[in-house]
Amino acid sequence: MKRYAKYLLKGSWLLVMSVVSFLFAYPFVYSVLGSLMLKSEFGNMGTLFPIPEHATLQNYAFVFSIDGGFAPLLNSLQRAAWYTLVTVAMAVLCGYVLARYDFRGKKFFLIAIVAAQVVPSVLTIIPSYILVSRIPFMGGNDWLGRGGHGLINNKLMLFLPLGWGSLLWVFLFSQSMKSFPKAIEEAAEIDGCGFWRIVTWVVLRLQGPIVAVIAINTALSNWNDWLTPFLYINNVADSTLTAWLATLTSNLQQFGDKDYPKVFALATVAVIPPFLIFLFFQKYIIQGIASAGVKG
């Protein structure tokens, strides 16, 4: 009886997890199927599975066309790459200095980094908007930031560091350095390596897992960030793919008479890069978080 009960429990568990997996995968499957249809064929949202009778890639051709989503897609890639590079460089350099050097105010910086994570990001939206609109000598502003609109509706806005989230990676990298043997750095210094060579040729290579965690999470968060471009930029060509998708979702008349298949195609393309990144690099996330455990 115990043997049958064990099999029954295992089968029930697999059934429950299969149902849960289906519920999580259903929106993506629906989006893919709907994107293969034309507006006239899709009809309405009443179908459980919109099976296309004549599958077409016309909606995806629109996404990658010059007049369609190519510019927002390129902006998303550039923005994710830029923020990833800057965040990794800042986390490695600042985290290394905090972990290896003693200087006045070090504890204050560590406390400030941790305290900054407590502030909800929604509280910084209005101050950030005012700051961007008052940048001197940009968008018609004078040296006091008056008279123009700053970087509002400017593509450069996509590359401004406005959040506190990147400071968290500085703290995690400094914690990861506490388990890194100092003897390796001392040996490199004896061999004639200076500060920059030690950081780039020794620390950066041997601290690969935590660097991968920083790069992956920064790329994903910036790729999925639709709110920042949505608030600051109105021109589609200067916005990102996710922000444009949010605009179309809030106003489905953009293409005419509720062209859902085009929206589904945009959503599918926007989901694929984060999915592939997590699929192929998830092991580095686990290793990096384990190596960054807080140590005394």
C-alpha atoms as a PDB file:
ATOM      1  CA  MET A   1       0.000   0.000   0.000  1.00  0.00           C
ATOM      2  CA  LYS A   2       2.834   2.376   0.827  1.00  0.00           C
ATOM      3  CA  ARG A   3       4.329   1.748  -2.598  1.00  0.00           C
ATOM      4  CA  TYR A   4       1.064   2.627  -4.374  1.00  0.00           C
ATOM      5  CA  ALA A   5       0.595   5.660  -2.143  1.00  0.00           C
ATOM      6  CA  LYS A   6       4.074   6.842  -3.102  1.00  0.00           C
ATOM      7  CA  TYR A   7       3.300   6.508  -6.820  1.00  0.00           C
ATOM      8  CA  LEU A   8      -0.055   8.226  -6.341  1.00  0.00           C
ATOM      9  CA  LEU A   9       1.575  11.124  -4.519  1.00  0.00           C
ATOM     10  CA  LYS A  10       4.245  11.468  -7.181  1.00  0.00           C
ATOM     11  CA  GLY A  11       1.684  11.342  -9.977  1.00  0.00           C
ATOM     12  CA  SER A  12      -0.487  13.938  -8.255  1.00  0.00           C
ATOM     13  CA  TRP A  13       2.521  16.195  -7.819  1.00  0.00           C
ATOM     14  CA  LEU A  14       3.466  15.885 -11.498  1.00  0.00           C
ATOM     15  CA  LEU A  15      -0.130  16.631 -12.498  1.00  0.00           C
ATOM     16  CA  VAL A  16      -0.288  19.741 -10.335  1.00  0.00           C
ATOM     17  CA  MET A  17       3.061  21.022 -11.591  1.00  0.00           C
ATOM     18  CA  SER A  18       2.024  20.342 -15.194  1.00  0.00           C
ATOM     19  CA  VAL A  19      -1.097  22.440 -14.700  1.00  0.00           C
ATOM     20  CA  VAL A  20       0.944  25.227 -13.090  1.00  0.00           C
ATOM     21  CA  SER A  21       3.505  25.111 -15.916  1.00  0.00           C
ATOM     22  CA  PHE A  22       0.706  25.304 -18.477  1.00  0.00           C
ATOM     23  CA  LEU A  23      -0.800  28.347 -16.756  1.00  0.00           C
ATOM     24  CA  PHE A  24       2.571  30.104 -16.821  1.00  0.00           C
ATOM     25  CA  ALA A  25       3.254  29.185 -20.454  1.00  0.00           C
ATOM     26  CA  TYR A  26      -0.265  29.861 -21.744  1.00  0.00           C
ATOM     27  CA  PRO A  27       0.094  33.668 -22.248  1.00  0.00           C
ATOM     28  CA  PHE A  28       3.285  33.202 -24.265  1.00  0.00           C
ATOM     29  CA  VAL A  29       1.776  30.390 -26.370  1.00  0.00           C
ATOM     30  CA  TYR A  30      -1.329  32.493 -26.988  1.00  0.00           C
ATOM     31  CA  SER A  31       0.851  35.443 -28.011  1.00  0.00           C
ATOM     32  CA  VAL A  32       2.866  33.327 -30.460  1.00  0.00           C
ATOM     33  CA  LEU A  33      -0.240  31.804 -32.057  1.00  0.00           C
ATOM     34  CA  GLY A  34      -2.000  35.167 -32.284  1.00  0.00           C
ATOM     35  CA  SER A  35       1.039  36.799 -33.873  1.00  0.00           C
ATOM     36  CA  LEU A  36       0.841  34.330 -36.783  1.00  0.00           C
ATOM     37  CA  MET A  37      -2.604  35.602 -37.779  1.00  0.00           C
ATOM     38  CA  LEU A  38      -3.876  38.650 -39.595  1.00  0.00           C
ATOM     39  CA  LYS A  39      -6.214  41.174 -38.000  1.00  0.00           C
ATOM     40  CA  SER A  40      -9.136  39.995 -40.083  1.00  0.00           C
ATOM     41  CA  GLU A  41      -8.588  36.358 -39.096  1.00  0.00           C
ATOM     42  CA  PHE A  42      -7.987  36.941 -35.415  1.00  0.00           C
ATOM     43  CA  GLY A  43     -11.433  38.424 -34.875  1.00  0.00           C
ATOM     44  CA  ASN A  44     -11.808  38.706 -31.114  1.00  0.00           C
ATOM     45  CA  MET A  45     -10.337  37.528 -27.819  1.00  0.00           C
ATOM     46  CA  GLY A  46     -12.960  34.838 -27.204  1.00  0.00           C
ATOM     47  CA  THR A  47     -10.897  31.908 -28.517  1.00  0.00           C
ATOM     48  CA  LEU A  48      -8.962  29.800 -26.022  1.00  0.00           C
ATOM     49  CA  PHE A  49      -6.290  28.965 -28.602  1.00  0.00           C
ATOM     50  CA  PRO A  50      -6.184  31.172 -31.717  1.00  0.00           C
ATOM     51  CA  ILE A  51      -5.081  28.487 -34.181  1.00  0.00           C
ATOM     52  CA  PRO A  52      -4.143  30.222 -37.476  1.00  0.00           C
ATOM     53  CA  GLU A  53      -5.625  28.678 -40.595  1.00  0.00           C
ATOM     54  CA  HIS A  54      -3.065  30.382 -42.804  1.00  0.00           C
ATOM     55  CA  ALA A  55       0.001  31.216 -40.708  1.00  0.00           C
ATOM     56  CA  THR A  56       1.828  34.357 -41.770  1.00  0.00           C
ATOM     57  CA  LEU A  57       4.981  36.195 -40.707  1.00  0.00           C
ATOM     58  CA  GLN A  58       3.654  39.541 -41.865  1.00  0.00           C
ATOM     59  CA  ASN A  59       3.419  40.870 -38.305  1.00  0.00           C
ATOM     60  CA  TYR A  60       7.045  39.939 -37.597  1.00  0.00           C
ATOM     61  CA  ALA A  61       8.075  41.601 -40.851  1.00  0.00           C
ATOM     62  CA  PHE A  62       6.458  44.757 -39.469  1.00  0.00           C
ATOM     63  CA  VAL A  63       8.407  44.427 -36.195  1.00  0.00           C
ATOM     64  CA  PHE A  64      11.747  44.276 -38.024  1.00  0.00           C
ATOM     65  CA  SER A  65      10.876  46.847 -40.684  1.00  0.00           C
ATOM     66  CA  ILE A  66      12.374  50.329 -40.777  1.00  0.00           C
ATOM     67  CA  ASP A  67       8.943  51.934 -40.426  1.00  0.00           C
ATOM     68  CA  GLY A  68       7.914  49.512 -37.695  1.00  0.00           C
ATOM     69  CA  GLY A  69       9.734  48.231 -34.652  1.00  0.00           C
ATOM     70  CA  PHE A  70      13.322  48.104 -35.887  1.00  0.00           C
ATOM     71  CA  ALA A  71      14.313  51.450 -34.325  1.00  0.00           C
ATOM     72  CA  PRO A  72      12.775  50.682 -30.888  1.00  0.00           C
ATOM     73  CA  LEU A  73      14.356  47.221 -30.981  1.00  0.00           C
ATOM     74  CA  LEU A  74      17.770  48.703 -31.740  1.00  0.00           C
ATOM     75  CA  ASN A  75      17.309  51.276 -28.959  1.00  0.00           C
ATOM     76  CA  SER A  76      16.478  48.493 -26.500  1.00  0.00           C
ATOM     77  CA  LEU A  77      19.612  46.558 -27.437  1.00  0.00           C
ATOM     78  CA  GLN A  78      21.822  49.655 -27.191  1.00  0.00           C
ATOM     79  CA  ARG A  79      20.329  50.696 -23.853  1.00  0.00           C
ATOM     80  CA  ALA A  80      20.691  47.234 -22.306  1.00  0.00           C
ATOM     81  CA  ALA A  81      24.298  46.928 -23.536  1.00  0.00           C
ATOM     82  CA  TRP A  82      25.242  50.424 -22.296  1.00  0.00           C
ATOM     83  CA  TYR A  83      23.783  49.995 -18.822  1.00  0.00           C
ATOM     84  CA  THR A  84      25.282  46.521 -18.499  1.00  0.00           C
ATOM     85  CA  LEU A  85      28.775  47.797 -19.349  1.00  0.00           C
ATOM     86  CA  VAL A  86      28.531  50.824 -17.033  1.00  0.00           C
ATOM     87  CA  THR A  87      27.016  48.882 -14.127  1.00  0.00           C
ATOM     88  CA  VAL A  88      29.590  46.074 -14.316  1.00  0.00           C
ATOM     89  CA  ALA A  89      32.472  48.575 -14.453  1.00  0.00           C
ATOM     90  CA  MET A  90      31.113  50.566 -11.507  1.00  0.00           C
ATOM     91  CA  ALA A  91      30.347  47.475  -9.417  1.00  0.00           C
ATOM     92  CA  VAL A  92      33.785  45.931  -9.999  1.00  0.00           C
ATOM     93  CA  LEU A  93      35.820  49.082  -9.398  1.00  0.00           C
ATOM     94  CA  CYS A  94      33.826  50.487  -6.472  1.00  0.00           C
ATOM     95  CA  GLY A  95      33.247  47.071  -4.918  1.00  0.00           C
ATOM     96  CA  TYR A  96      36.944  46.217  -5.128  1.00  0.00           C
ATOM     97  CA  VAL A  97      37.970  49.492  -3.480  1.00  0.00           C
ATOM     98  CA  LEU A  98      35.411  49.063  -0.683  1.00  0.00           C
ATOM     99  CA  ALA A  99      36.571  45.502  -0.046  1.00  0.00           C
ATOM    100  CA  ARG A 100      40.340  46.031  -0.174  1.00  0.00           C
ATOM    101  CA  TYR A 101      41.033  49.595   0.960  1.00  0.00           C
ATOM    102  CA  ASP A 102      40.423  51.356   4.266  1.00  0.00           C
ATOM    103  CA  PHE A 103      39.607  55.044   4.064  1.00  0.00           C
ATOM    104  CA  ARG A 104      37.670  57.643   5.991  1.00  0.00           C
ATOM    105  CA  GLY A 105      33.932  57.384   5.424  1.00  0.00           C
ATOM    106  CA  LYS A 106      33.993  53.776   4.211  1.00  0.00           C
ATOM    107  CA  LYS A 107      31.284  52.633   6.636  1.00  0.00           C
ATOM    108  CA  PHE A 108      29.153  55.625   5.681  1.00  0.00           C
ATOM    109  CA  PHE A 109      29.288  54.631   2.013  1.00  0.00           C
ATOM    110  CA  LEU A 110      28.306  51.054   2.816  1.00  0.00           C
ATOM    111  CA  ILE A 111      25.397  52.198   4.979  1.00  0.00           C
ATOM    112  CA  ALA A 112      24.288  54.678   2.295  1.00  0.00           C
ATOM    113  CA  ILE A 113      24.337  51.959  -0.372  1.00  0.00           C
ATOM    114  CA  VAL A 114      22.165  49.657   1.720  1.00  0.00           C
ATOM    115  CA  ALA A 115      19.848  52.491   2.824  1.00  0.00           C
ATOM    116  CA  ALA A 116      19.303  53.591  -0.784  1.00  0.00           C
ATOM    117  CA  GLN A 117      17.659  50.244  -1.513  1.00  0.00           C
ATOM    118  CA  VAL A 118      14.943  50.990   1.040  1.00  0.00           C
ATOM    119  CA  VAL A 119      13.669  54.026  -0.901  1.00  0.00           C
ATOM    120  CA  PRO A 120      10.811  52.974  -3.244  1.00  0.00           C
ATOM    121  CA  SER A 121      11.609  53.822  -6.845  1.00  0.00           C
ATOM    122  CA  VAL A 122       8.156  55.350  -7.316  1.00  0.00           C
ATOM    123  CA  LEU A 123       9.128  58.182  -4.961  1.00  0.00           C
ATOM    124  CA  THR A 124      11.910  59.277  -7.305  1.00  0.00           C
ATOM    125  CA  ILE A 125       9.787  59.556 -10.463  1.00  0.00           C
ATOM    126  CA  ILE A 126       8.745  63.204 -10.064  1.00  0.00           C
ATOM    127  CA  PRO A 127      12.172  64.465  -8.852  1.00  0.00           C
ATOM    128  CA  SER A 128      13.859  62.568 -11.681  1.00  0.00           C
ATOM    129  CA  TYR A 129      11.480  64.064 -14.240  1.00  0.00           C
ATOM    130  CA  ILE A 130      12.179  67.580 -12.958  1.00  0.00           C
ATOM    131  CA  LEU A 131      15.919  66.905 -12.974  1.00  0.00           C
ATOM    132  CA  VAL A 132      15.879  65.670 -16.576  1.00  0.00           C
ATOM    133  CA  SER A 133      13.776  68.608 -17.741  1.00  0.00           C
ATOM    134  CA  ARG A 134      16.114  71.113 -16.044  1.00  0.00           C
ATOM    135  CA  ILE A 135      19.465  69.919 -17.374  1.00  0.00           C
ATOM    136  CA  PRO A 136      21.442  73.059 -18.389  1.00  0.00           C
ATOM    137  CA  PHE A 137      22.136  73.769 -22.074  1.00  0.00           C
ATOM    138  CA  MET A 138      19.897  70.900 -23.237  1.00  0.00           C
ATOM    139  CA  GLY A 139      16.577  71.244 -25.038  1.00  0.00           C
ATOM    140  CA  GLY A 140      16.655  75.031 -25.035  1.00  0.00           C
ATOM    141  CA  ASN A 141      17.564  75.418 -21.349  1.00  0.00           C
ATOM    142  CA  ASP A 142      19.888  78.151 -20.144  1.00  0.00           C
ATOM    143  CA  TRP A 143      22.720  77.575 -17.684  1.00  0.00           C
ATOM    144  CA  LEU A 144      20.168  77.546 -14.842  1.00  0.00           C
ATOM    145  CA  GLY A 145      18.040  74.895 -16.556  1.00  0.00           C
ATOM    146  CA  ARG A 146      15.203  77.233 -17.475  1.00  0.00           C
ATOM    147  CA  GLY A 147      13.392  78.039 -20.686  1.00  0.00           C
ATOM    148  CA  GLY A 148      13.367  74.608 -22.376  1.00  0.00           C
ATOM    149  CA  HIS A 149      12.513  70.969 -21.852  1.00  0.00           C
ATOM    150  CA  GLY A 150      15.934  69.449 -21.156  1.00  0.00           C
ATOM    151  CA  LEU A 151      16.218  65.850 -22.296  1.00  0.00           C
ATOM    152  CA  ILE A 152      12.472  65.206 -22.392  1.00  0.00           C
ATOM    153  CA  ASN A 153      11.669  63.503 -25.735  1.00  0.00           C
ATOM    154  CA  ASN A 154      15.393  63.134 -26.385  1.00  0.00           C
ATOM    155  CA  LYS A 155      16.975  59.776 -27.194  1.00  0.00           C
ATOM    156  CA  LEU A 156      19.893  60.553 -24.868  1.00  0.00           C
ATOM    157  CA  MET A 157      17.419  60.136 -22.013  1.00  0.00           C
ATOM    158  CA  LEU A 158      17.642  56.360 -22.515  1.00  0.00           C
ATOM    159  CA  PHE A 159      21.255  56.364 -21.346  1.00  0.00           C
ATOM    160  CA  LEU A 160      21.019  58.518 -18.215  1.00  0.00           C
ATOM    161  CA  PRO A 161      21.646  56.717 -14.880  1.00  0.00           C
ATOM    162  CA  LEU A 162      18.602  57.611 -12.771  1.00  0.00           C
ATOM    163  CA  GLY A 163      18.100  54.634 -10.461  1.00  0.00           C
ATOM    164  CA  TRP A 164      19.696  53.483  -7.224  1.00  0.00           C
ATOM    165  CA  GLY A 165      19.508  49.819  -8.154  1.00  0.00           C
ATOM    166  CA  SER A 166      23.047  49.660  -9.551  1.00  0.00           C
ATOM    167  CA  LEU A 167      24.456  50.519  -6.094  1.00  0.00           C
ATOM    168  CA  LEU A 168      23.278  47.139  -4.846  1.00  0.00           C
ATOM    169  CA  TRP A 169      25.721  45.412  -7.183  1.00  0.00           C
ATOM    170  CA  VAL A 170      28.583  47.428  -5.671  1.00  0.00           C
ATOM    171  CA  PHE A 171      27.699  46.027  -2.260  1.00  0.00           C
ATOM    172  CA  LEU A 172      27.342  42.442  -3.538  1.00  0.00           C
ATOM    173  CA  PHE A 173      30.671  42.556  -5.361  1.00  0.00           C
ATOM    174  CA  SER A 174      32.427  43.906  -2.267  1.00  0.00           C
ATOM    175  CA  GLN A 175      30.936  41.042  -0.255  1.00  0.00           C
ATOM    176  CA  SER A 176      32.085  38.554  -2.886  1.00  0.00           C
ATOM    177  CA  MET A 177      35.634  39.950  -2.649  1.00  0.00           C
ATOM    178  CA  LYS A 178      35.771  38.964   1.034  1.00  0.00           C
ATOM    179  CA  SER A 179      36.053  35.318   0.002  1.00  0.00           C
ATOM    180  CA  PHE A 180      38.664  36.098  -2.649  1.00  0.00           C
ATOM    181  CA  PRO A 181      42.202  35.248  -1.428  1.00  0.00           C
ATOM    182  CA  LYS A 182      44.408  38.313  -1.061  1.00  0.00           C
ATOM    183  CA  ALA A 183      47.454  36.145  -1.756  1.00  0.00           C
ATOM    184  CA  ILE A 184      46.522  36.033  -5.455  1.00  0.00           C
ATOM    185  CA  GLU A 185      46.553  39.823  -5.679  1.00  0.00           C
ATOM    186  CA  GLU A 186      49.800  40.022  -3.717  1.00  0.00           C
ATOM    187  CA  ALA A 187      51.417  37.537  -6.081  1.00  0.00           C
ATOM    188  CA  ALA A 188      50.258  39.567  -9.071  1.00  0.00           C
ATOM    189  CA  GLU A 189      51.626  42.728  -7.460  1.00  0.00           C
ATOM    190  CA  ILE A 190      55.012  41.059  -6.920  1.00  0.00           C
ATOM    191  CA  ASP A 191      55.006  40.175 -10.625  1.00  0.00           C
ATOM    192  CA  GLY A 192      54.688  43.867 -11.430  1.00  0.00           C
ATOM    193  CA  CYS A 193      50.935  44.284 -11.887  1.00  0.00           C
ATOM    194  CA  GLY A 194      49.444  47.613 -10.927  1.00  0.00           C
ATOM    195  CA  PHE A 195      45.925  48.424  -9.767  1.00  0.00           C
ATOM    196  CA  TRP A 196      44.269  48.325 -13.180  1.00  0.00           C
ATOM    197  CA  ARG A 197      45.964  45.127 -14.310  1.00  0.00           C
ATOM    198  CA  ILE A 198      45.097  43.364 -11.044  1.00  0.00           C
ATOM    199  CA  VAL A 199      41.440  44.358 -11.408  1.00  0.00           C
ATOM    200  CA  THR A 200      41.104  43.525 -15.119  1.00  0.00           C
ATOM    201  CA  TRP A 201      43.438  40.552 -15.481  1.00  0.00           C
ATOM    202  CA  VAL A 202      43.092  38.860 -12.088  1.00  0.00           C
ATOM    203  CA  VAL A 203      39.984  39.871 -10.161  1.00  0.00           C
ATOM    204  CA  LEU A 204      37.645  40.253 -13.115  1.00  0.00           C
ATOM    205  CA  ARG A 205      38.550  36.849 -14.545  1.00  0.00           C
ATOM    206  CA  LEU A 206      38.438  34.904 -11.279  1.00  0.00           C
ATOM    207  CA  GLN A 207      35.234  36.598 -10.119  1.00  0.00           C
ATOM    208  CA  GLY A 208      33.362  35.524 -13.216  1.00  0.00           C
ATOM    209  CA  PRO A 209      30.195  34.175 -11.509  1.00  0.00           C
ATOM    210  CA  ILE A 210      29.315  37.375  -9.635  1.00  0.00           C
ATOM    211  CA  VAL A 211      30.216  39.499 -12.687  1.00  0.00           C
ATOM    212  CA  ALA A 212      27.888  37.313 -14.762  1.00  0.00           C
ATOM    213  CA  VAL A 213      25.105  37.826 -12.215  1.00  0.00           C
ATOM    214  CA  ILE A 214      25.542  41.595 -12.381  1.00  0.00           C
ATOM    215  CA  ALA A 215      25.615  41.635 -16.192  1.00  0.00           C
ATOM    216  CA  ILE A 216      22.648  39.296 -16.634  1.00  0.00           C
ATOM    217  CA  ASN A 217      20.379  41.005 -14.116  1.00  0.00           C
ATOM    218  CA  THR A 218      21.282  44.483 -15.365  1.00  0.00           C
ATOM    219  CA  ALA A 219      20.617  43.510 -18.969  1.00  0.00           C
ATOM    220  CA  LEU A 220      17.274  41.917 -18.078  1.00  0.00           C
ATOM    221  CA  SER A 221      16.084  44.780 -15.888  1.00  0.00           C
ATOM    222  CA  ASN A 222      16.935  47.408 -18.509  1.00  0.00           C
ATOM    223  CA  TRP A 223      15.478  45.385 -21.351  1.00  0.00           C
ATOM    224  CA  ASN A 224      12.203  44.984 -19.436  1.00  0.00           C
ATOM    225  CA  ASP A 225      12.139  48.587 -18.225  1.00  0.00           C
ATOM    226  CA  TRP A 226       9.188  50.125 -20.038  1.00  0.00           C
ATOM    227  CA  LEU A 227       8.268  52.826 -17.512  1.00  0.00           C
ATOM    228  CA  THR A 228      11.313  55.096 -17.942  1.00  0.00           C
ATOM    229  CA  PRO A 229      11.104  55.480 -21.755  1.00  0.00           C
ATOM    230  CA  PHE A 230       7.290  55.548 -21.492  1.00  0.00           C
ATOM    231  CA  LEU A 231       7.430  58.597 -19.198  1.00  0.00           C
ATOM    232  CA  TYR A 232      10.153  60.598 -20.908  1.00  0.00           C
ATOM    233  CA  ILE A 233       9.826  59.873 -24.639  1.00  0.00           C
ATOM    234  CA  ASN A 234       6.804  60.208 -26.906  1.00  0.00           C
ATOM    235  CA  ASN A 235       8.456  59.581 -30.270  1.00  0.00           C
ATOM    236  CA  VAL A 236       8.319  55.871 -31.128  1.00  0.00           C
ATOM    237  CA  ALA A 237      11.579  55.957 -33.101  1.00  0.00           C
ATOM    238  CA  ASP A 238      13.429  57.235 -30.032  1.00  0.00           C
ATOM    239  CA  SER A 239      11.768  54.886 -27.547  1.00  0.00           C
ATOM    240  CA  THR A 240      12.374  51.223 -26.684  1.00  0.00           C
ATOM    241  CA  LEU A 241      10.498  48.119 -27.750  1.00  0.00           C
ATOM    242  CA  THR A 242       8.922  47.498 -24.347  1.00  0.00           C
ATOM    243  CA  ALA A 243       7.855  51.144 -23.949  1.00  0.00           C
ATOM    244  CA  TRP A 244       6.313  51.127 -27.423  1.00  0.00           C
ATOM    245  CA  LEU A 245       4.521  47.902 -26.552  1.00  0.00           C
ATOM    246  CA  ALA A 246       3.147  49.541 -23.406  1.00  0.00           C
ATOM    247  CA  THR A 247       1.929  52.474 -25.505  1.00  0.00           C
ATOM    248  CA  LEU A 248       0.196  50.185 -27.987  1.00  0.00           C
ATOM    249  CA  THR A 249      -1.360  48.133 -25.213  1.00  0.00           C
ATOM    250  CA  SER A 250      -2.813  51.237 -23.590  1.00  0.00           C
ATOM    251  CA  ASN A 251      -4.033  52.513 -26.972  1.00  0.00           C
ATOM    252  CA  LEU A 252      -4.853  49.636 -29.289  1.00  0.00           C
ATOM    253  CA  GLN A 253      -6.191  52.027 -31.940  1.00  0.00           C
ATOM    254  CA  GLN A 254      -2.584  52.838 -32.938  1.00  0.00           C
ATOM    255  CA  PHE A 255      -2.766  50.536 -35.986  1.00  0.00           C
ATOM    256  CA  GLY A 256      -6.401  51.248 -36.734  1.00  0.00           C
ATOM    257  CA  ASP A 257      -9.079  48.799 -35.675  1.00  0.00           C
ATOM    258  CA  LYS A 258      -7.425  46.966 -32.755  1.00  0.00           C
ATOM    259  CA  ASP A 259      -4.699  45.076 -34.567  1.00  0.00           C
ATOM    260  CA  TYR A 260      -3.941  42.583 -31.798  1.00  0.00           C
ATOM    261  CA  PRO A 261      -1.713  40.271 -33.899  1.00  0.00           C
ATOM    262  CA  LYS A 262       0.861  43.075 -34.348  1.00  0.00           C
ATOM    263  CA  VAL A 263       0.858  43.669 -30.603  1.00  0.00           C
ATOM    264  CA  PHE A 264       1.330  39.926 -30.031  1.00  0.00           C
ATOM    265  CA  ALA A 265       4.279  39.902 -32.455  1.00  0.00           C
ATOM    266  CA  LEU A 266       5.906  42.803 -30.592  1.00  0.00           C
ATOM    267  CA  ALA A 267       5.332  41.055 -27.255  1.00  0.00           C
ATOM    268  CA  THR A 268       6.827  37.790 -28.544  1.00  0.00           C
ATOM    269  CA  VAL A 269       9.953  39.513 -29.848  1.00  0.00           C
ATOM    270  CA  ALA A 270      10.305  41.417 -26.553  1.00  0.00           C
ATOM    271  CA  VAL A 271      10.121  38.195 -24.516  1.00  0.00           C
ATOM    272  CA  ILE A 272      12.600  36.102 -26.520  1.00  0.00           C
ATOM    273  CA  PRO A 273      15.907  37.819 -25.497  1.00  0.00           C
ATOM    274  CA  PRO A 274      15.256  37.643 -21.695  1.00  0.00           C
ATOM    275  CA  PHE A 275      14.094  34.043 -22.086  1.00  0.00           C
ATOM    276  CA  LEU A 276      17.260  33.017 -23.943  1.00  0.00           C
ATOM    277  CA  ILE A 277      19.505  34.876 -21.496  1.00  0.00           C
ATOM    278  CA  PHE A 278      17.956  33.178 -18.491  1.00  0.00           C
ATOM    279  CA  LEU A 279      17.852  29.777 -20.217  1.00  0.00           C
ATOM    280  CA  PHE A 280      21.559  29.682 -21.054  1.00  0.00           C
ATOM    281  CA  PHE A 281      23.016  31.639 -18.110  1.00  0.00           C
ATOM    282  CA  GLN A 282      20.895  30.548 -15.150  1.00  0.00           C
ATOM    283  CA  LYS A 283      23.742  28.461 -13.697  1.00  0.00           C
ATOM    284  CA  TYR A 284      25.903  31.593 -13.426  1.00  0.00           C
ATOM    285  CA  ILE A 285      23.137  33.333 -11.502  1.00  0.00           C
ATOM    286  CA  ILE A 286      23.114  30.573  -8.880  1.00  0.00           C
ATOM    287  CA  GLN A 287      26.916  30.465  -8.619  1.00  0.00           C
ATOM    288  CA  GLY A 288      27.214  34.229  -8.408  1.00  0.00           C
ATOM    289  CA  ILE A 289      24.596  34.653  -5.698  1.00  0.00           C
ATOM    290  CA  ALA A 290      26.241  31.858  -3.699  1.00  0.00           C
ATOM    291  CA  SER A 291      29.658  33.530  -3.978  1.00  0.00           C
ATOM    292  CA  ALA A 292      28.205  36.885  -2.888  1.00  0.00           C
ATOM    293  CA  GLY A 293      26.810  35.621   0.391  1.00  0.00           C
ATOM    294  CA  VAL A 294      27.267  38.145   3.176  1.00  0.00           C
ATOM    295  CA  LYS A 295      30.353  37.267   5.171  1.00  0.00           C
ATOM    296  CA  GLY A 296      31.547  38.686   8.432  1.00  0.00           C
END
